[in-house]
Amino acid sequence: MAFGKRVSTGQQNTDRRRSQRQATDAVGEILTPGKPPQRCHIVNISAIGACLKLPSVFGISNSFGLRAFGRIYNAHVVRKLPATLYVTFR
């Protein structure tokens, strides 16, 4: 049994994201009030979100500032894995 959204047979490998992702090898900082900045690796980024790699996501709140590329994004966690965060920007 397959899980997730149903996709017609001819569209199985199409990307359904709303914004084009850009692969990157940049370093960013997670900014949480009252805590020192935590460095992270930005795997990819788009206008609406990003994928971040960290040694551990333990203790990271669901909302934080992401300092990258000369600006600060208001990030909200969409998915949390042991060493990866998927965030959306608001």
Protein backbone atom coordinates (compact mmCIF):
# COMPACT_ATOMS: atom_id res chain seq x y z
CA MET A 1 0.00 0.00 0.00
CA ALA A 2 1.45 3.36 -1.02
CA PHE A 3 1.29 6.35 1.29
CA GLY A 4 1.15 10.05 0.48
CA LYS A 5 -0.57 11.99 -2.25
CA ARG A 6 -1.71 10.10 -5.30
CA VAL A 7 0.11 11.01 -8.48
CA SER A 8 -1.08 10.07 -11.93
CA THR A 9 1.06 7.51 -13.77
CA GLY A 10 2.62 10.02 -16.17
CA GLN A 11 3.70 12.44 -13.42
CA GLN A 12 5.54 10.21 -10.94
CA ASN A 13 8.90 11.97 -11.15
CA THR A 14 7.76 15.60 -11.33
CA ASP A 15 8.68 18.00 -8.54
CA ARG A 16 5.55 19.36 -6.82
CA ARG A 17 7.27 22.06 -4.77
CA ARG A 18 5.89 25.60 -5.03
CA SER A 19 9.33 27.20 -5.22
CA GLN A 20 12.54 26.14 -7.00
CA ARG A 21 15.22 24.82 -4.64
CA GLN A 22 18.82 25.93 -4.97
CA ALA A 23 21.54 23.53 -3.79
CA THR A 24 24.11 25.26 -1.62
CA ASP A 25 27.16 24.53 0.49
CA ALA A 26 26.67 27.49 2.82
CA VAL A 27 26.96 27.76 6.58
CA GLY A 28 24.22 29.48 8.56
CA GLU A 29 23.42 30.18 12.20
CA ILE A 30 20.34 29.26 14.16
CA LEU A 31 19.40 32.18 16.41
CA THR A 32 17.33 31.44 19.50
CA PRO A 33 16.79 34.08 22.22
CA GLY A 34 18.85 33.37 25.35
CA LYS A 35 21.09 30.81 23.62
CA PRO A 36 24.36 31.17 21.70
CA PRO A 37 24.08 30.89 17.88
CA GLN A 38 24.32 27.34 16.58
CA ARG A 39 26.05 26.72 13.24
CA CYS A 40 24.32 24.63 10.61
CA HIS A 41 24.97 23.52 7.05
CA ILE A 42 22.38 24.73 4.51
CA VAL A 43 21.85 21.86 2.05
CA ASN A 44 19.32 23.69 -0.12
CA ILE A 45 17.23 26.84 0.07
CA SER A 46 14.28 28.39 -1.76
CA ALA A 47 12.14 31.48 -1.35
CA ILE A 48 9.84 29.59 1.04
CA GLY A 49 12.11 27.20 2.98
CA ALA A 50 15.35 25.31 3.48
CA CYS A 51 16.93 22.02 4.47
CA LEU A 52 19.46 22.30 7.31
CA LYS A 53 22.00 19.74 8.57
CA LEU A 54 23.23 19.84 12.18
CA PRO A 55 25.14 17.49 14.47
CA SER A 56 21.93 17.14 16.52
CA VAL A 57 18.52 18.82 16.51
CA PHE A 58 18.03 18.19 20.24
CA GLY A 59 17.04 21.40 22.03
CA ILE A 60 16.18 23.36 18.86
CA SER A 61 12.82 25.12 19.16
CA ASN A 62 10.15 24.95 16.45
CA SER A 63 10.61 28.65 15.59
CA PHE A 64 13.93 30.46 15.31
CA GLY A 65 15.90 32.96 13.28
CA LEU A 66 18.16 31.63 10.54
CA ARG A 67 21.08 33.92 9.68
CA ALA A 68 22.27 33.18 6.15
CA PHE A 69 23.33 35.06 3.03
CA GLY A 70 23.45 38.42 4.83
CA ARG A 71 19.91 38.34 6.19
CA ILE A 72 17.81 36.74 8.94
CA TYR A 73 14.88 34.48 8.01
CA ASN A 74 12.01 33.67 10.40
CA ALA A 75 12.14 29.87 10.23
CA HIS A 76 9.50 27.39 11.41
CA VAL A 77 10.22 23.67 11.58
CA VAL A 78 8.11 21.50 9.25
CA ARG A 79 9.97 18.23 9.75
CA LYS A 80 12.62 17.22 12.27
CA LEU A 81 14.98 14.25 11.83
CA PRO A 82 17.93 13.33 14.11
CA ALA A 83 20.42 15.51 12.17
CA THR A 84 18.20 17.37 9.67
CA LEU A 85 15.67 20.18 9.89
CA TYR A 86 13.23 21.10 7.14
CA VAL A 87 11.98 24.66 7.68
CA THR A 88 9.61 27.09 6.05
CA PHE A 89 10.04 30.87 6.10
CA ARG A 90 7.28 33.21 7.26
